[in-house]
């Protein structure tokens, strides 16, 4: 079904298609415990071969059809998207896409920023508009434990500084908080980014994929996080940017900036979810917690080169969508099995 008002295809629960997440690689140079734990994604893990990845032309072709169906925001993710060779060229190609009114599509990226300091200027020049950076701790030991790497958090901070200096603003920094691991980092992160223009956001630890050993007891709730911050730096709630925004927004009472919390476990926002995900090898997923996807790669590589058929496949996939995993999980204490790994479809 197409909504005439919104010029967007609607799913089975009347949610419009607005956002496209594109995973450009299944590889990452970190082994974060909640995403790609090293004991699973070790030296012997078999990643996708280059021929299995969607080409830049195939990604852009898919994005163009999604835009025709209502997408207005595109976010590149991974794995770590800066590991994809020539990523600047893909950004330049996507930056040339416009909606029916001639407006450019909002183009963003989520990165761990370990390679960002050297690439920020090229990304900005190619047409990237915004960046979300993953940073779960400033303490060296906690950071090393959570990322399964010897990379310093200082490298990430250098990447953030580089992004700000070239105008990729506002930078949003995302921290996944896990009980007993890094809740002690909440206030240090707040102190580091107050009065800098960076928007600090805290994400409840989620049961993404099948390898992170998620338990409800490990979740530090957004209400706990906010209470801890508010005691030191009083907060004032503000309105979301859009009806389908996932973060609850707050500003510091003293004008020190903005923060956000993403309460995907305790306050599920499935009812407003407008996101479609394209995996590295060309499958469409209608939920971060999906168990199976719809293959587009075969259609993209068919000799017929039929854009109408491609658009119809995408529209039908969204129209049949009934996903509301987080709402169903809300009353459970264990994760449901069989989900696709987040590193494969992007966060």
Protein backbone atom coordinates (compact mmCIF):
# COMPACT_ATOMS: atom_id res chain seq x y z
CA UNK A 1 0.00 0.00 0.00
CA UNK A 2 1.24 3.49 -0.85
CA UNK A 3 0.44 6.45 1.38
CA UNK A 4 -0.50 9.37 -0.89
CA UNK A 5 0.13 11.88 1.91
CA UNK A 6 3.58 10.58 2.75
CA UNK A 7 4.47 9.32 -0.76
CA UNK A 8 5.74 6.23 0.98
CA UNK A 9 4.99 2.54 1.00
CA UNK A 10 3.36 1.40 4.26
CA UNK A 11 3.95 -1.86 6.08
CA UNK A 12 1.30 -4.15 7.58
CA UNK A 13 1.15 -1.98 10.71
CA UNK A 14 0.88 1.26 8.68
CA UNK A 15 4.48 2.34 9.29
CA UNK A 16 6.04 4.29 6.39
CA UNK A 17 9.41 3.49 4.84
CA UNK A 18 11.74 6.40 5.62
CA UNK A 19 15.21 5.07 6.44
CA UNK A 20 17.63 2.76 4.66
CA UNK A 21 20.58 1.23 6.51
CA UNK A 22 23.27 -0.15 4.21
CA UNK A 23 25.95 -2.50 5.51
CA UNK A 24 28.89 -2.04 3.15
CA UNK A 25 31.16 -4.68 4.72
CA UNK A 26 30.88 -7.53 7.21
CA UNK A 27 34.44 -6.92 8.43
CA UNK A 28 35.58 -4.84 11.39
CA UNK A 29 38.92 -4.04 12.99
CA UNK A 30 37.44 -4.28 16.50
CA UNK A 31 35.87 -7.23 18.30
CA UNK A 32 33.30 -5.56 20.52
CA UNK A 33 31.81 -8.02 22.98
CA UNK A 34 28.21 -7.08 22.18
CA UNK A 35 28.59 -7.20 18.39
CA UNK A 36 31.53 -9.25 17.07
CA UNK A 37 33.07 -11.09 20.04
CA UNK A 38 36.56 -12.35 19.30
CA UNK A 39 35.86 -15.89 20.43
CA UNK A 40 33.36 -16.21 17.57
CA UNK A 41 34.82 -13.85 14.96
CA UNK A 42 38.40 -15.05 15.31
CA UNK A 43 41.20 -15.70 12.83
CA UNK A 44 39.42 -18.70 11.37
CA UNK A 45 36.11 -16.93 10.80
CA UNK A 46 35.14 -16.91 7.13
CA UNK A 47 33.98 -13.50 5.94
CA UNK A 48 32.23 -12.81 2.66
CA UNK A 49 34.30 -12.94 -0.50
CA UNK A 50 34.54 -9.78 -2.59
CA UNK A 51 32.33 -11.25 -5.34
CA UNK A 52 29.58 -11.80 -2.78
CA UNK A 53 29.45 -8.13 -1.80
CA UNK A 54 27.12 -5.77 -3.57
CA UNK A 55 29.04 -3.45 -5.88
CA UNK A 56 28.71 0.31 -5.41
CA UNK A 57 26.56 0.44 -8.54
CA UNK A 58 24.24 -2.24 -7.14
CA UNK A 59 23.96 -0.40 -3.82
CA UNK A 60 23.11 2.88 -5.54
CA UNK A 61 20.59 1.20 -7.81
CA UNK A 62 18.85 -0.30 -4.78
CA UNK A 63 18.96 3.01 -2.90
CA UNK A 64 17.38 4.82 -5.85
CA UNK A 65 14.40 2.45 -5.81
CA UNK A 66 14.05 2.80 -2.05
CA UNK A 67 13.97 6.57 -2.44
CA UNK A 68 11.14 6.18 -4.96
CA UNK A 69 9.25 4.32 -2.20
CA UNK A 70 9.76 6.98 0.46
CA UNK A 71 13.29 6.69 1.88
CA UNK A 72 14.71 10.07 2.88
CA UNK A 73 17.65 9.01 5.05
CA UNK A 74 20.49 6.65 4.20
CA UNK A 75 23.03 5.47 6.75
CA UNK A 76 26.16 3.49 5.86
CA UNK A 77 27.33 0.96 8.40
CA UNK A 78 29.05 -2.41 8.65
CA UNK A 79 31.06 -4.00 10.15
CA UNK A 80 33.27 -0.93 9.98
CA UNK A 81 32.35 1.00 6.80
CA UNK A 82 35.73 2.74 6.55
CA UNK A 83 37.27 -0.67 5.81
CA UNK A 84 35.40 -0.83 2.49
CA UNK A 85 37.90 0.16 -0.18
CA UNK A 86 36.81 3.29 -2.05
CA UNK A 87 34.00 4.15 0.37
CA UNK A 88 34.38 7.83 -0.60
CA UNK A 89 33.29 6.99 -4.14
CA UNK A 90 30.14 5.27 -2.88
CA UNK A 91 29.34 8.31 -0.74
CA UNK A 92 29.78 10.58 -3.76
CA UNK A 93 27.43 8.38 -5.80
CA UNK A 94 24.77 8.31 -3.07
CA UNK A 95 25.11 12.04 -2.43
CA UNK A 96 23.91 12.62 -5.98
CA UNK A 97 20.51 11.06 -5.26
CA UNK A 98 17.48 13.30 -4.66
CA UNK A 99 13.82 12.83 -3.73
CA UNK A 100 10.89 13.74 -5.99
CA UNK A 101 11.09 17.36 -4.85
CA UNK A 102 14.75 17.63 -5.80
CA UNK A 103 15.98 17.61 -2.19
CA UNK A 104 19.18 15.67 -1.44
CA UNK A 105 18.84 12.55 0.65
CA UNK A 106 20.24 12.78 4.17
CA UNK A 107 23.46 10.74 4.10
CA UNK A 108 25.10 9.58 7.32
CA UNK A 109 27.51 6.95 8.58
CA UNK A 110 28.10 4.95 11.75
CA UNK A 111 31.78 4.25 12.44
CA UNK A 112 34.11 3.22 15.24
CA UNK A 113 36.28 6.19 14.15
CA UNK A 114 39.57 4.33 14.47
CA UNK A 115 40.37 5.22 10.84
CA UNK A 116 38.48 8.50 10.77
CA UNK A 117 41.23 11.04 11.46
CA UNK A 118 42.80 10.41 8.04
CA UNK A 119 39.51 10.10 6.16
CA UNK A 120 37.25 12.81 7.60
CA UNK A 121 38.06 15.46 4.97
CA UNK A 122 37.58 13.05 2.06
CA UNK A 123 34.27 11.84 3.49
CA UNK A 124 33.00 15.39 3.87
CA UNK A 125 34.16 16.38 0.38
CA UNK A 126 32.40 13.31 -1.06
CA UNK A 127 29.07 14.43 0.40
CA UNK A 128 28.72 12.75 3.78
CA UNK A 129 26.55 14.89 6.06
CA UNK A 130 26.66 13.34 9.52
CA UNK A 131 28.53 10.80 11.63
CA UNK A 132 27.62 8.59 14.56
CA UNK A 133 30.66 7.31 16.44
CA UNK A 134 30.76 4.27 18.71
CA UNK A 135 32.71 4.87 21.92
CA UNK A 136 31.81 2.80 24.99
CA UNK A 137 34.55 3.94 27.37
CA UNK A 138 37.34 6.44 27.87
CA UNK A 139 39.19 4.26 30.36
CA UNK A 140 41.89 2.34 28.47
CA UNK A 141 41.33 -0.99 30.23
CA UNK A 142 37.55 -0.93 29.89
CA UNK A 143 37.82 0.16 26.25
CA UNK A 144 40.26 -2.65 25.45
CA UNK A 145 38.03 -5.19 27.18
CA UNK A 146 34.89 -4.06 25.36
CA UNK A 147 36.49 -3.72 21.92
CA UNK A 148 38.72 -6.79 22.11
CA UNK A 149 41.56 -4.71 20.68
CA UNK A 150 44.68 -2.77 21.61
CA UNK A 151 43.41 0.42 19.96
CA UNK A 152 43.42 3.44 22.27
CA UNK A 153 40.25 5.45 22.91
CA UNK A 154 42.47 8.43 22.11
CA UNK A 155 42.45 7.29 18.48
CA UNK A 156 38.65 7.53 18.47
CA UNK A 157 38.80 10.98 20.08
CA UNK A 158 41.19 12.11 17.34
CA UNK A 159 38.67 10.90 14.77
CA UNK A 160 35.88 12.83 16.47
CA UNK A 161 37.99 15.99 16.53
CA UNK A 162 38.77 15.54 12.82
CA UNK A 163 35.09 15.11 11.97
CA UNK A 164 34.19 18.31 13.81
CA UNK A 165 37.02 20.24 12.20
CA UNK A 166 35.81 19.45 8.67
CA UNK A 167 32.15 20.21 9.45
CA UNK A 168 30.63 16.75 9.88
CA UNK A 169 28.44 18.09 12.66
CA UNK A 170 26.78 17.50 14.94
CA UNK A 171 28.79 14.41 15.75
CA UNK A 172 26.83 11.90 17.82
CA UNK A 173 28.75 9.53 20.07
CA UNK A 174 26.99 6.28 20.97
CA UNK A 175 27.86 4.22 24.05
CA UNK A 176 26.32 0.81 24.75
CA UNK A 177 26.13 0.42 28.52
CA UNK A 178 26.45 -3.05 30.04
CA UNK A 179 26.01 -3.63 33.76
CA UNK A 180 29.17 -4.59 35.56
CA UNK A 181 31.31 -3.57 32.59
CA UNK A 182 31.15 0.13 31.73
CA UNK A 183 28.42 1.89 33.68
CA UNK A 184 31.26 3.63 35.52
CA UNK A 185 32.03 5.40 32.21
CA UNK A 186 28.70 7.24 31.94
CA UNK A 187 29.80 10.35 33.83
CA UNK A 188 33.33 10.49 32.39
CA UNK A 189 31.83 10.44 28.88
CA UNK A 190 29.40 13.18 29.85
CA UNK A 191 32.19 15.31 31.29
CA UNK A 192 34.36 14.79 28.21
CA UNK A 193 31.74 15.92 25.70
CA UNK A 194 29.85 18.66 27.56
CA UNK A 195 30.34 22.07 25.92
CA UNK A 196 31.97 20.51 22.82
CA UNK A 197 28.98 20.35 20.46
CA UNK A 198 29.11 16.53 20.49
CA UNK A 199 25.81 14.83 21.32
CA UNK A 200 26.43 11.95 23.73
CA UNK A 201 23.92 9.11 23.46
CA UNK A 202 23.56 6.04 25.66
CA UNK A 203 22.08 2.81 24.32
CA UNK A 204 20.57 0.04 26.39
CA UNK A 205 22.46 -3.23 25.90
CA UNK A 206 20.46 -5.23 23.33
CA UNK A 207 20.17 -8.87 22.33
CA UNK A 208 21.45 -8.35 18.79
CA UNK A 209 22.55 -11.49 16.98
CA UNK A 210 23.21 -14.77 18.75
CA UNK A 211 26.75 -14.41 20.07
CA UNK A 212 26.79 -11.72 22.76
CA UNK A 213 25.28 -13.77 25.62
CA UNK A 214 22.62 -11.17 26.35
CA UNK A 215 20.74 -11.29 29.66
CA UNK A 216 18.15 -8.85 30.91
CA UNK A 217 20.12 -8.50 34.14
CA UNK A 218 22.99 -6.94 32.14
CA UNK A 219 20.83 -4.03 30.95
CA UNK A 220 21.42 -0.66 32.57
CA UNK A 221 18.12 1.05 31.89
CA UNK A 222 17.87 4.49 30.36
CA UNK A 223 16.08 5.71 33.50
CA UNK A 224 19.09 4.64 35.58
CA UNK A 225 21.46 6.35 33.17
CA UNK A 226 19.47 9.59 33.20
CA UNK A 227 19.20 9.60 36.99
CA UNK A 228 22.96 9.20 37.32
CA UNK A 229 23.63 12.09 34.93
CA UNK A 230 20.92 14.33 36.35
CA UNK A 231 22.39 14.16 39.86
CA UNK A 232 25.58 15.79 38.64
CA UNK A 233 24.30 17.79 35.66
CA UNK A 234 20.55 18.57 35.83
CA UNK A 235 18.68 17.73 32.62
CA UNK A 236 15.65 19.12 30.80
CA UNK A 237 13.71 16.95 28.30
CA UNK A 238 13.21 18.27 24.76
CA UNK A 239 11.13 17.11 21.81
CA UNK A 240 12.40 14.51 19.31
CA UNK A 241 13.63 15.67 15.91
CA UNK A 242 10.94 13.61 14.18
CA UNK A 243 8.04 11.28 15.09
CA UNK A 244 10.13 8.22 14.16
CA UNK A 245 13.24 9.28 16.08
CA UNK A 246 14.58 6.54 18.34
CA UNK A 247 16.39 8.68 20.91
CA UNK A 248 14.82 10.51 23.82
CA UNK A 249 16.53 13.91 23.89
CA UNK A 250 17.64 15.97 26.86
CA UNK A 251 19.65 19.17 27.32
CA UNK A 252 21.74 20.26 30.27
CA UNK A 253 20.04 22.90 32.38
CA UNK A 254 23.19 25.02 32.34
CA UNK A 255 23.41 25.05 28.54
CA UNK A 256 26.19 22.48 28.34
CA UNK A 257 24.73 20.69 25.34
CA UNK A 258 22.46 17.78 24.43
CA UNK A 259 22.38 14.08 25.26
CA UNK A 260 20.12 11.22 24.25
CA UNK A 261 19.11 7.78 25.46
CA UNK A 262 17.93 4.91 23.28
CA UNK A 263 15.62 2.69 25.34
CA UNK A 264 15.22 -0.19 22.94
CA UNK A 265 14.77 -2.74 25.73
CA UNK A 266 12.69 -0.96 28.36
CA UNK A 267 10.68 1.37 26.11
CA UNK A 268 10.37 -0.34 22.74
CA UNK A 269 9.75 2.00 19.79
CA UNK A 270 8.71 -0.61 17.23
CA UNK A 271 5.47 1.27 16.55
CA UNK A 272 7.38 4.13 14.89
CA UNK A 273 10.20 2.13 13.25
CA UNK A 274 10.71 3.20 9.62
CA UNK A 275 13.99 1.38 8.89
CA UNK A 276 14.84 -1.06 6.15
CA UNK A 277 18.24 -2.77 6.14
CA UNK A 278 20.34 -3.88 3.18
CA UNK A 279 23.01 -6.45 4.06
CA UNK A 280 26.51 -6.56 2.65
CA UNK A 281 25.56 -9.35 0.24
CA UNK A 282 22.25 -7.88 -0.91
CA UNK A 283 19.54 -9.16 1.39
CA UNK A 284 16.75 -6.96 2.70
CA UNK A 285 15.93 -7.15 6.40
CA UNK A 286 12.94 -5.41 7.91
CA UNK A 287 14.16 -5.52 11.51
CA UNK A 288 17.46 -5.36 13.40
CA UNK A 289 16.40 -8.61 15.08
CA UNK A 290 15.35 -10.39 11.88
CA UNK A 291 15.92 -14.10 11.36
CA UNK A 292 15.84 -14.09 7.55
CA UNK A 293 16.06 -11.68 4.65
CA UNK A 294 14.84 -11.23 1.08
CA UNK A 295 17.47 -11.72 -1.61
CA UNK A 296 17.95 -8.77 -3.97
CA UNK A 297 21.37 -9.70 -5.31
CA UNK A 298 20.05 -12.24 -7.78
CA UNK A 299 17.57 -9.69 -9.09
CA UNK A 300 20.25 -6.99 -9.26
CA UNK A 301 22.49 -9.29 -11.30
CA UNK A 302 19.80 -10.66 -13.61
CA UNK A 303 20.33 -9.94 -17.29
CA UNK A 304 16.95 -8.21 -17.50
CA UNK A 305 18.25 -5.31 -15.37
CA UNK A 306 14.62 -4.55 -14.47
CA UNK A 307 14.29 -1.59 -12.06
CA UNK A 308 10.51 -1.95 -11.92
CA UNK A 309 10.84 -5.52 -10.69
CA UNK A 310 13.43 -4.40 -8.15
CA UNK A 311 11.19 -1.65 -6.82
CA UNK A 312 8.23 -4.02 -6.64
CA UNK A 313 10.29 -6.57 -4.67
CA UNK A 314 11.31 -3.90 -2.17
CA UNK A 315 7.77 -2.56 -1.86
CA UNK A 316 6.31 -6.04 -1.34
CA UNK A 317 8.92 -6.81 1.32
CA UNK A 318 8.03 -3.67 3.26
CA UNK A 319 4.29 -4.05 2.76
CA UNK A 320 4.36 -7.55 4.32
CA UNK A 321 6.36 -6.35 7.32
CA UNK A 322 4.89 -7.10 10.75
CA UNK A 323 8.09 -6.88 12.85
CA UNK A 324 7.84 -5.67 16.43
CA UNK A 325 10.50 -7.77 18.12
CA UNK A 326 11.35 -5.36 20.92
CA UNK A 327 7.72 -5.06 21.94
CA UNK A 328 7.38 -8.84 22.03
CA UNK A 329 10.66 -9.21 23.93
CA UNK A 330 9.69 -6.53 26.45
CA UNK A 331 7.96 -9.01 28.74
CA UNK A 332 10.63 -11.70 28.36
CA UNK A 333 13.87 -12.27 30.28
CA UNK A 334 15.74 -14.10 27.51
CA UNK A 335 16.51 -13.32 23.90
CA UNK A 336 14.72 -15.19 21.15
CA UNK A 337 16.99 -17.41 19.00
CA UNK A 338 17.97 -17.33 15.33
CA UNK A 339 18.62 -13.62 14.76
CA UNK A 340 21.00 -12.29 12.11
CA UNK A 341 24.25 -10.81 13.49
CA UNK A 342 24.29 -7.02 13.68
CA UNK A 343 27.70 -6.90 11.97
CA UNK A 344 26.02 -8.40 8.89
CA UNK A 345 23.12 -5.95 8.57
CA UNK A 346 24.38 -2.88 10.42
CA UNK A 347 23.25 -1.30 13.66
